Amino acid sequence: EIRHLCGDILDSQVEAIVASGAEIADIETALAYAAGMD
């Protein structure tokens, strides 16, 4: 599910996001900031 939302990211990044307990809204918000759409 994380790869579906984030696209092509590293395995270690996926593992870290899983470990964070992030939910869809958390990831979508972070991706918006990362894309400069704050």
PDB file of all heavy atoms in Angstrom:
ATOM      1  N   GLU A   1       0.829  -1.206   0.000  1.00  0.00           N
ATOM      2  CA  GLU A   1       0.000   0.000   0.000  1.00  0.00           C
ATOM      3  C   GLU A   1       0.867   1.262   0.000  1.00  0.00           C
ATOM      4  O   GLU A   1       0.544   2.243  -0.666  1.00  0.00           O
ATOM      5  CB  GLU A   1      -0.928  -0.014   1.221  1.00  0.00           C
ATOM      6  CG  GLU A   1      -1.956  -1.127   1.155  1.00  0.00           C
ATOM      7  CD  GLU A   1      -2.648  -1.392   2.475  1.00  0.00           C
ATOM      8  OE1 GLU A   1      -2.002  -1.297   3.538  1.00  0.00           O
ATOM      9  OE2 GLU A   1      -3.848  -1.709   2.440  1.00  0.00           O
ATOM     10  N   ILE A   2       1.963   1.221   0.719  1.00  0.00           N
ATOM     11  CA  ILE A   2       2.866   2.376   0.768  1.00  0.00           C
ATOM     12  C   ILE A   2       3.494   2.608  -0.602  1.00  0.00           C
ATOM     13  O   ILE A   2       3.569   3.735  -1.079  1.00  0.00           O
ATOM     14  CB  ILE A   2       3.932   2.188   1.862  1.00  0.00           C
ATOM     15  CG1 ILE A   2       3.254   2.279   3.232  1.00  0.00           C
ATOM     16  CG2 ILE A   2       5.054   3.215   1.726  1.00  0.00           C
ATOM     17  CD1 ILE A   2       4.113   1.863   4.388  1.00  0.00           C
ATOM     18  N   ARG A   3       3.916   1.534  -1.258  1.00  0.00           N
ATOM     19  CA  ARG A   3       4.488   1.680  -2.602  1.00  0.00           C
ATOM     20  C   ARG A   3       3.457   2.224  -3.586  1.00  0.00           C
ATOM     21  O   ARG A   3       3.791   3.018  -4.467  1.00  0.00           O
ATOM     22  CB  ARG A   3       5.023   0.348  -3.107  1.00  0.00           C
ATOM     23  CG  ARG A   3       6.314  -0.033  -2.464  1.00  0.00           C
ATOM     24  CD  ARG A   3       6.990  -1.161  -3.227  1.00  0.00           C
ATOM     25  NE  ARG A   3       8.163  -1.598  -2.513  1.00  0.00           N
ATOM     26  CZ  ARG A   3       9.316  -0.950  -2.482  1.00  0.00           C
ATOM     27  NH1 ARG A   3       9.457   0.167  -3.133  1.00  0.00           N
ATOM     28  NH2 ARG A   3      10.343  -1.425  -1.805  1.00  0.00           N
ATOM     29  N   HIS A   4       2.214   1.806  -3.434  1.00  0.00           N
ATOM     30  CA  HIS A   4       1.152   2.310  -4.309  1.00  0.00           C
ATOM     31  C   HIS A   4       0.999   3.830  -4.145  1.00  0.00           C
ATOM     32  O   HIS A   4       0.837   4.555  -5.126  1.00  0.00           O
ATOM     33  CB  HIS A   4      -0.170   1.604  -3.997  1.00  0.00           C
ATOM     34  CG  HIS A   4      -1.317   2.102  -4.802  1.00  0.00           C
ATOM     35  ND1 HIS A   4      -1.486   1.767  -6.131  1.00  0.00           N
ATOM     36  CD2 HIS A   4      -2.341   2.926  -4.492  1.00  0.00           C
ATOM     37  CE1 HIS A   4      -2.567   2.367  -6.596  1.00  0.00           C
ATOM     38  NE2 HIS A   4      -3.103   3.075  -5.619  1.00  0.00           N
ATOM     39  N   LEU A   5       1.076   4.312  -2.917  1.00  0.00           N
ATOM     40  CA  LEU A   5       0.929   5.745  -2.651  1.00  0.00           C
ATOM     41  C   LEU A   5       2.184   6.537  -3.020  1.00  0.00           C
ATOM     42  O   LEU A   5       2.094   7.632  -3.577  1.00  0.00           O
ATOM     43  CB  LEU A   5       0.615   5.978  -1.169  1.00  0.00           C
ATOM     44  CG  LEU A   5      -0.762   5.554  -0.697  1.00  0.00           C
ATOM     45  CD1 LEU A   5      -0.819   5.561   0.822  1.00  0.00           C
ATOM     46  CD2 LEU A   5      -1.823   6.488  -1.266  1.00  0.00           C
ATOM     47  N   CYS A   6       3.347   6.006  -2.692  1.00  0.00           N
ATOM     48  CA  CYS A   6       4.603   6.754  -2.818  1.00  0.00           C
ATOM     49  C   CYS A   6       5.335   6.530  -4.127  1.00  0.00           C
ATOM     50  O   CYS A   6       6.242   7.297  -4.452  1.00  0.00           O
ATOM     51  CB  CYS A   6       5.535   6.394  -1.663  1.00  0.00           C
ATOM     52  SG  CYS A   6       4.895   6.846  -0.052  1.00  0.00           S
ATOM     53  N   GLY A   7       4.996   5.483  -4.836  1.00  0.00           N
ATOM     54  CA  GLY A   7       5.708   5.202  -6.072  1.00  0.00           C
ATOM     55  C   GLY A   7       7.006   4.479  -5.815  1.00  0.00           C
ATOM     56  O   GLY A   7       7.123   3.677  -4.888  1.00  0.00           O
ATOM     57  N   ASP A   8       8.005   4.798  -6.607  1.00  0.00           N
ATOM     58  CA  ASP A   8       9.285   4.101  -6.577  1.00  0.00           C
ATOM     59  C   ASP A   8      10.171   4.662  -5.464  1.00  0.00           C
ATOM     60  O   ASP A   8      10.920   5.618  -5.670  1.00  0.00           O
ATOM     61  CB  ASP A   8       9.971   4.249  -7.941  1.00  0.00           C
ATOM     62  CG  ASP A   8      11.225   3.415  -8.052  1.00  0.00           C
ATOM     63  OD1 ASP A   8      11.328   2.400  -7.340  1.00  0.00           O
ATOM     64  OD2 ASP A   8      12.104   3.788  -8.844  1.00  0.00           O
ATOM     65  N   ILE A   9      10.056   4.052  -4.291  1.00  0.00           N
ATOM     66  CA  ILE A   9      10.931   4.431  -3.183  1.00  0.00           C
ATOM     67  C   ILE A   9      11.710   3.199  -2.750  1.00  0.00           C
ATOM     68  O   ILE A   9      11.370   2.072  -3.099  1.00  0.00           O
ATOM     69  CB  ILE A   9      10.160   5.061  -1.998  1.00  0.00           C
ATOM     70  CG1 ILE A   9       9.149   4.090  -1.398  1.00  0.00           C
ATOM     71  CG2 ILE A   9       9.486   6.362  -2.426  1.00  0.00           C
ATOM     72  CD1 ILE A   9       8.480   4.609  -0.141  1.00  0.00           C
ATOM     73  N   LEU A  10      12.751   3.426  -2.004  1.00  0.00           N
ATOM     74  CA  LEU A  10      13.647   2.362  -1.571  1.00  0.00           C
ATOM     75  C   LEU A  10      12.989   1.456  -0.533  1.00  0.00           C
ATOM     76  O   LEU A  10      12.122   1.895   0.227  1.00  0.00           O
ATOM     77  CB  LEU A  10      14.910   2.972  -0.978  1.00  0.00           C
ATOM     78  CG  LEU A  10      15.697   3.873  -1.919  1.00  0.00           C
ATOM     79  CD1 LEU A  10      16.713   4.682  -1.149  1.00  0.00           C
ATOM     80  CD2 LEU A  10      16.357   3.035  -2.998  1.00  0.00           C
ATOM     81  N   ASP A  11      13.442   0.203  -0.497  1.00  0.00           N
ATOM     82  CA  ASP A  11      12.931  -0.751   0.482  1.00  0.00           C
ATOM     83  C   ASP A  11      13.093  -0.226   1.907  1.00  0.00           C
ATOM     84  O   ASP A  11      12.200  -0.365   2.736  1.00  0.00           O
ATOM     85  CB  ASP A  11      13.651  -2.096   0.368  1.00  0.00           C
ATOM     86  CG  ASP A  11      13.305  -2.851  -0.905  1.00  0.00           C
ATOM     87  OD1 ASP A  11      12.278  -2.517  -1.539  1.00  0.00           O
ATOM     88  OD2 ASP A  11      14.058  -3.768  -1.274  1.00  0.00           O
ATOM     89  N   SER A  12      14.245   0.381   2.186  1.00  0.00           N
ATOM     90  CA  SER A  12      14.491   0.897   3.533  1.00  0.00           C
ATOM     91  C   SER A  12      13.542   2.046   3.878  1.00  0.00           C
ATOM     92  O   SER A  12      13.153   2.207   5.041  1.00  0.00           O
ATOM     93  CB  SER A  12      15.949   1.324   3.699  1.00  0.00           C
ATOM     94  OG  SER A  12      16.310   2.243   2.690  1.00  0.00           O
ATOM     95  N   GLN A  13      13.144   2.831   2.887  1.00  0.00           N
ATOM     96  CA  GLN A  13      12.167   3.892   3.138  1.00  0.00           C
ATOM     97  C   GLN A  13      10.794   3.282   3.429  1.00  0.00           C
ATOM     98  O   GLN A  13      10.099   3.739   4.335  1.00  0.00           O
ATOM     99  CB  GLN A  13      12.072   4.835   1.947  1.00  0.00           C
ATOM    100  CG  GLN A  13      13.274   5.738   1.800  1.00  0.00           C
ATOM    101  CD  GLN A  13      13.183   6.561   0.537  1.00  0.00           C
ATOM    102  OE1 GLN A  13      13.231   6.006  -0.557  1.00  0.00           O
ATOM    103  NE2 GLN A  13      13.055   7.867   0.688  1.00  0.00           N
ATOM    104  N   VAL A  14      10.417   2.268   2.661  1.00  0.00           N
ATOM    105  CA  VAL A  14       9.139   1.590   2.905  1.00  0.00           C
ATOM    106  C   VAL A  14       9.123   1.021   4.317  1.00  0.00           C
ATOM    107  O   VAL A  14       8.151   1.201   5.062  1.00  0.00           O
ATOM    108  CB  VAL A  14       8.884   0.479   1.862  1.00  0.00           C
ATOM    109  CG1 VAL A  14       7.662  -0.344   2.230  1.00  0.00           C
ATOM    110  CG2 VAL A  14       8.727   1.067   0.472  1.00  0.00           C
ATOM    111  N   GLU A  15      10.200   0.347   4.703  1.00  0.00           N
ATOM    112  CA  GLU A  15      10.292  -0.237   6.038  1.00  0.00           C
ATOM    113  C   GLU A  15      10.157   0.831   7.124  1.00  0.00           C
ATOM    114  O   GLU A  15       9.487   0.621   8.141  1.00  0.00           O
ATOM    115  CB  GLU A  15      11.610  -0.984   6.196  1.00  0.00           C
ATOM    116  CG  GLU A  15      11.705  -2.237   5.346  1.00  0.00           C
ATOM    117  CD  GLU A  15      13.109  -2.815   5.287  1.00  0.00           C
ATOM    118  OE1 GLU A  15      14.004  -2.354   6.044  1.00  0.00           O
ATOM    119  OE2 GLU A  15      13.318  -3.723   4.471  1.00  0.00           O
ATOM    120  N   ALA A  16      10.798   1.974   6.918  1.00  0.00           N
ATOM    121  CA  ALA A  16      10.725   3.057   7.901  1.00  0.00           C
ATOM    122  C   ALA A  16       9.310   3.626   7.994  1.00  0.00           C
ATOM    123  O   ALA A  16       8.827   3.947   9.086  1.00  0.00           O
ATOM    124  CB  ALA A  16      11.723   4.157   7.551  1.00  0.00           C
ATOM    125  N   ILE A  17       8.626   3.738   6.849  1.00  0.00           N
ATOM    126  CA  ILE A  17       7.253   4.250   6.858  1.00  0.00           C
ATOM    127  C   ILE A  17       6.327   3.251   7.539  1.00  0.00           C
ATOM    128  O   ILE A  17       5.470   3.635   8.341  1.00  0.00           O
ATOM    129  CB  ILE A  17       6.784   4.604   5.434  1.00  0.00           C
ATOM    130  CG1 ILE A  17       7.594   5.787   4.897  1.00  0.00           C
ATOM    131  CG2 ILE A  17       5.284   4.930   5.422  1.00  0.00           C
ATOM    132  CD1 ILE A  17       7.365   6.093   3.427  1.00  0.00           C
ATOM    133  N   VAL A  18       6.504   1.959   7.252  1.00  0.00           N
ATOM    134  CA  VAL A  18       5.705   0.927   7.935  1.00  0.00           C
ATOM    135  C   VAL A  18       5.918   1.042   9.443  1.00  0.00           C
ATOM    136  O   VAL A  18       4.963   1.047  10.224  1.00  0.00           O
ATOM    137  CB  VAL A  18       6.066  -0.489   7.428  1.00  0.00           C
ATOM    138  CG1 VAL A  18       5.460  -1.556   8.336  1.00  0.00           C
ATOM    139  CG2 VAL A  18       5.600  -0.705   6.002  1.00  0.00           C
ATOM    140  N   ALA A  19       7.181   1.155   9.853  1.00  0.00           N
ATOM    141  CA  ALA A  19       7.513   1.243  11.279  1.00  0.00           C
ATOM    142  C   ALA A  19       6.916   2.481  11.939  1.00  0.00           C
ATOM    143  O   ALA A  19       6.634   2.473  13.138  1.00  0.00           O
ATOM    144  CB  ALA A  19       9.021   1.214  11.467  1.00  0.00           C
ATOM    145  N   SER A  20       6.689   3.537  11.162  1.00  0.00           N
ATOM    146  CA  SER A  20       6.134   4.770  11.726  1.00  0.00           C
ATOM    147  C   SER A  20       4.659   4.637  12.087  1.00  0.00           C
ATOM    148  O   SER A  20       4.129   5.450  12.825  1.00  0.00           O
ATOM    149  CB  SER A  20       6.310   5.939  10.742  1.00  0.00           C
ATOM    150  OG  SER A  20       5.354   5.853   9.685  1.00  0.00           O
ATOM    151  N   GLY A  21       4.000   3.621  11.532  1.00  0.00           N
ATOM    152  CA  GLY A  21       2.570   3.458  11.784  1.00  0.00           C
ATOM    153  C   GLY A  21       1.710   4.425  10.985  1.00  0.00           C
ATOM    154  O   GLY A  21       0.549   4.649  11.312  1.00  0.00           O
ATOM    155  N   ALA A  22       2.281   4.998   9.930  1.00  0.00           N
ATOM    156  CA  ALA A  22       1.573   6.006   9.135  1.00  0.00           C
ATOM    157  C   ALA A  22       0.306   5.446   8.501  1.00  0.00           C
ATOM    158  O   ALA A  22       0.251   4.278   8.110  1.00  0.00           O
ATOM    159  CB  ALA A  22       2.492   6.546   8.048  1.00  0.00           C
ATOM    160  N   GLU A  23      -0.676   6.305   8.414  1.00  0.00           N
ATOM    161  CA  GLU A  23      -1.934   5.986   7.747  1.00  0.00           C
ATOM    162  C   GLU A  23      -1.981   6.764   6.426  1.00  0.00           C
ATOM    163  O   GLU A  23      -1.123   7.609   6.161  1.00  0.00           O
ATOM    164  CB  GLU A  23      -3.099   6.355   8.651  1.00  0.00           C
ATOM    165  CG  GLU A  23      -3.098   5.536   9.936  1.00  0.00           C
ATOM    166  CD  GLU A  23      -4.167   5.942  10.929  1.00  0.00           C
ATOM    167  OE1 GLU A  23      -4.920   6.903  10.659  1.00  0.00           O
ATOM    168  OE2 GLU A  23      -4.233   5.316  11.991  1.00  0.00           O
ATOM    169  N   ILE A  24      -2.980   6.488   5.613  1.00  0.00           N
ATOM    170  CA  ILE A  24      -3.086   7.114   4.295  1.00  0.00           C
ATOM    171  C   ILE A  24      -3.003   8.637   4.386  1.00  0.00           C
ATOM    172  O   ILE A  24      -2.251   9.263   3.636  1.00  0.00           O
ATOM    173  CB  ILE A  24      -4.384   6.685   3.587  1.00  0.00           C
ATOM    174  CG1 ILE A  24      -4.294   5.215   3.180  1.00  0.00           C
ATOM    175  CG2 ILE A  24      -4.644   7.548   2.347  1.00  0.00           C
ATOM    176  CD1 ILE A  24      -5.584   4.649   2.618  1.00  0.00           C
ATOM    177  N   ALA A  25      -3.747   9.241   5.278  1.00  0.00           N
ATOM    178  CA  ALA A  25      -3.750  10.711   5.387  1.00  0.00           C
ATOM    179  C   ALA A  25      -2.365  11.248   5.722  1.00  0.00           C
ATOM    180  O   ALA A  25      -1.960  12.295   5.206  1.00  0.00           O
ATOM    181  CB  ALA A  25      -4.765  11.159   6.433  1.00  0.00           C
ATOM    182  N   ASP A  26      -1.629  10.538   6.574  1.00  0.00           N
ATOM    183  CA  ASP A  26      -0.272  10.968   6.936  1.00  0.00           C
ATOM    184  C   ASP A  26       0.633  10.977   5.704  1.00  0.00           C
ATOM    185  O   ASP A  26       1.378  11.931   5.471  1.00  0.00           O
ATOM    186  CB  ASP A  26       0.336  10.020   7.980  1.00  0.00           C
ATOM    187  CG  ASP A  26      -0.488   9.921   9.245  1.00  0.00           C
ATOM    188  OD1 ASP A  26      -0.957  10.966   9.730  1.00  0.00           O
ATOM    189  OD2 ASP A  26      -0.646   8.794   9.751  1.00  0.00           O
ATOM    190  N   ILE A  27       0.548   9.906   4.923  1.00  0.00           N
ATOM    191  CA  ILE A  27       1.397   9.788   3.737  1.00  0.00           C
ATOM    192  C   ILE A  27       0.993  10.811   2.686  1.00  0.00           C
ATOM    193  O   ILE A  27       1.856  11.466   2.088  1.00  0.00           O
ATOM    194  CB  ILE A  27       1.349   8.357   3.180  1.00  0.00           C
ATOM    195  CG1 ILE A  27       1.982   7.396   4.194  1.00  0.00           C
ATOM    196  CG2 ILE A  27       2.059   8.270   1.829  1.00  0.00           C
ATOM    197  CD1 ILE A  27       1.841   5.936   3.854  1.00  0.00           C
ATOM    198  N   GLU A  28      -0.292  10.985   2.462  1.00  0.00           N
ATOM    199  CA  GLU A  28      -0.741  11.971   1.470  1.00  0.00           C
ATOM    200  C   GLU A  28      -0.306  13.378   1.847  1.00  0.00           C
ATOM    201  O   GLU A  28       0.114  14.155   0.993  1.00  0.00           O
ATOM    202  CB  GLU A  28      -2.253  11.892   1.299  1.00  0.00           C
ATOM    203  CG  GLU A  28      -2.695  10.632   0.574  1.00  0.00           C
ATOM    204  CD  GLU A  28      -4.196  10.466   0.497  1.00  0.00           C
ATOM    205  OE1 GLU A  28      -4.934  11.097   1.299  1.00  0.00           O
ATOM    206  OE2 GLU A  28      -4.638   9.685  -0.365  1.00  0.00           O
ATOM    207  N   THR A  29      -0.377  13.711   3.123  1.00  0.00           N
ATOM    208  CA  THR A  29       0.060  15.035   3.582  1.00  0.00           C
ATOM    209  C   THR A  29       1.556  15.205   3.372  1.00  0.00           C
ATOM    210  O   THR A  29       2.011  16.229   2.855  1.00  0.00           O
ATOM    211  CB  THR A  29      -0.297  15.231   5.068  1.00  0.00           C
ATOM    212  OG1 THR A  29      -1.715  15.133   5.217  1.00  0.00           O
ATOM    213  CG2 THR A  29       0.173  16.584   5.579  1.00  0.00           C
ATOM    214  N   ALA A  30       2.334  14.195   3.734  1.00  0.00           N
ATOM    215  CA  ALA A  30       3.787  14.266   3.562  1.00  0.00           C
ATOM    216  C   ALA A  30       4.167  14.379   2.090  1.00  0.00           C
ATOM    217  O   ALA A  30       5.060  15.152   1.733  1.00  0.00           O
ATOM    218  CB  ALA A  30       4.443  13.039   4.187  1.00  0.00           C
ATOM    219  N   LEU A  31       3.491  13.625   1.233  1.00  0.00           N
ATOM    220  CA  LEU A  31       3.773  13.688  -0.195  1.00  0.00           C
ATOM    221  C   LEU A  31       3.436  15.059  -0.773  1.00  0.00           C
ATOM    222  O   LEU A  31       4.149  15.567  -1.636  1.00  0.00           O
ATOM    223  CB  LEU A  31       3.019  12.594  -0.946  1.00  0.00           C
ATOM    224  CG  LEU A  31       3.505  11.169  -0.691  1.00  0.00           C
ATOM    225  CD1 LEU A  31       2.545  10.165  -1.324  1.00  0.00           C
ATOM    226  CD2 LEU A  31       4.920  10.973  -1.202  1.00  0.00           C
ATOM    227  N   ALA A  32       2.350  15.669  -0.305  1.00  0.00           N
ATOM    228  CA  ALA A  32       1.983  17.006  -0.774  1.00  0.00           C
ATOM    229  C   ALA A  32       3.059  18.015  -0.395  1.00  0.00           C
ATOM    230  O   ALA A  32       3.455  18.855  -1.210  1.00  0.00           O
ATOM    231  CB  ALA A  32       0.633  17.415  -0.199  1.00  0.00           C
ATOM    232  N   TYR A  33       3.560  17.938   0.835  1.00  0.00           N
ATOM    233  CA  TYR A  33       4.634  18.833   1.247  1.00  0.00           C
ATOM    234  C   TYR A  33       5.889  18.576   0.439  1.00  0.00           C
ATOM    235  O   TYR A  33       6.569  19.504   0.014  1.00  0.00           O
ATOM    236  CB  TYR A  33       4.932  18.660   2.745  1.00  0.00           C
ATOM    237  CG  TYR A  33       4.122  19.572   3.629  1.00  0.00           C
ATOM    238  CD1 TYR A  33       2.758  19.365   3.815  1.00  0.00           C
ATOM    239  CD2 TYR A  33       4.717  20.637   4.286  1.00  0.00           C
ATOM    240  CE1 TYR A  33       2.015  20.198   4.642  1.00  0.00           C
ATOM    241  CE2 TYR A  33       3.979  21.469   5.112  1.00  0.00           C
ATOM    242  CZ  TYR A  33       2.633  21.250   5.279  1.00  0.00           C
ATOM    243  OH  TYR A  33       1.913  22.079   6.080  1.00  0.00           O
ATOM    244  N   ALA A  34       6.217  17.300   0.230  1.00  0.00           N
ATOM    245  CA  ALA A  34       7.429  16.950  -0.523  1.00  0.00           C
ATOM    246  C   ALA A  34       7.350  17.444  -1.962  1.00  0.00           C
ATOM    247  O   ALA A  34       8.369  17.803  -2.554  1.00  0.00           O
ATOM    248  CB  ALA A  34       7.643  15.441  -0.499  1.00  0.00           C
ATOM    249  N   ALA A  35       6.154  17.496  -2.510  1.00  0.00           N
ATOM    250  CA  ALA A  35       5.966  17.966  -3.885  1.00  0.00           C
ATOM    251  C   ALA A  35       5.880  19.481  -3.953  1.00  0.00           C
ATOM    252  O   ALA A  35       5.708  20.046  -5.029  1.00  0.00           O
ATOM    253  CB  ALA A  35       4.708  17.335  -4.475  1.00  0.00           C
ATOM    254  N   GLY A  36       6.000  20.150  -2.809  1.00  0.00           N
ATOM    255  CA  GLY A  36       5.955  21.603  -2.788  1.00  0.00           C
ATOM    256  C   GLY A  36       4.547  22.156  -2.867  1.00  0.00           C
ATOM    257  O   GLY A  36       4.358  23.315  -3.221  1.00  0.00           O
ATOM    258  N   MET A  37       3.575  21.344  -2.530  1.00  0.00           N
ATOM    259  CA  MET A  37       2.186  21.783  -2.597  1.00  0.00           C
ATOM    260  C   MET A  37       1.649  22.117  -1.213  1.00  0.00           C
ATOM    261  O   MET A  37       0.488  21.878  -0.918  1.00  0.00           O
ATOM    262  CB  MET A  37       1.328  20.704  -3.247  1.00  0.00           C
ATOM    263  CG  MET A  37       1.727  20.411  -4.666  1.00  0.00           C
ATOM    264  SD  MET A  37       0.647  19.260  -5.536  1.00  0.00           S
ATOM    265  CE  MET A  37       0.477  17.914  -4.396  1.00  0.00           C
ATOM    266  N   ASP A  38       2.505  22.646  -0.342  1.00  0.00           N
ATOM    267  CA  ASP A  38       2.048  22.939   1.006  1.00  0.00           C
ATOM    268  C   ASP A  38       0.934  23.966   1.029  1.00  0.00           C
ATOM    269  O   ASP A  38       0.188  24.048   1.991  1.00  0.00           O
ATOM    270  CB  ASP A  38       3.199  23.344   1.923  1.00  0.00           C
ATOM    271  CG  ASP A  38       3.975  24.527   1.404  1.00  0.00           C
ATOM    272  OD1 ASP A  38       3.876  24.840   0.216  1.00  0.00           O
ATOM    273  OD2 ASP A  38       4.676  25.141   2.209  1.00  0.00           O
TER     274      ASP A  38
END
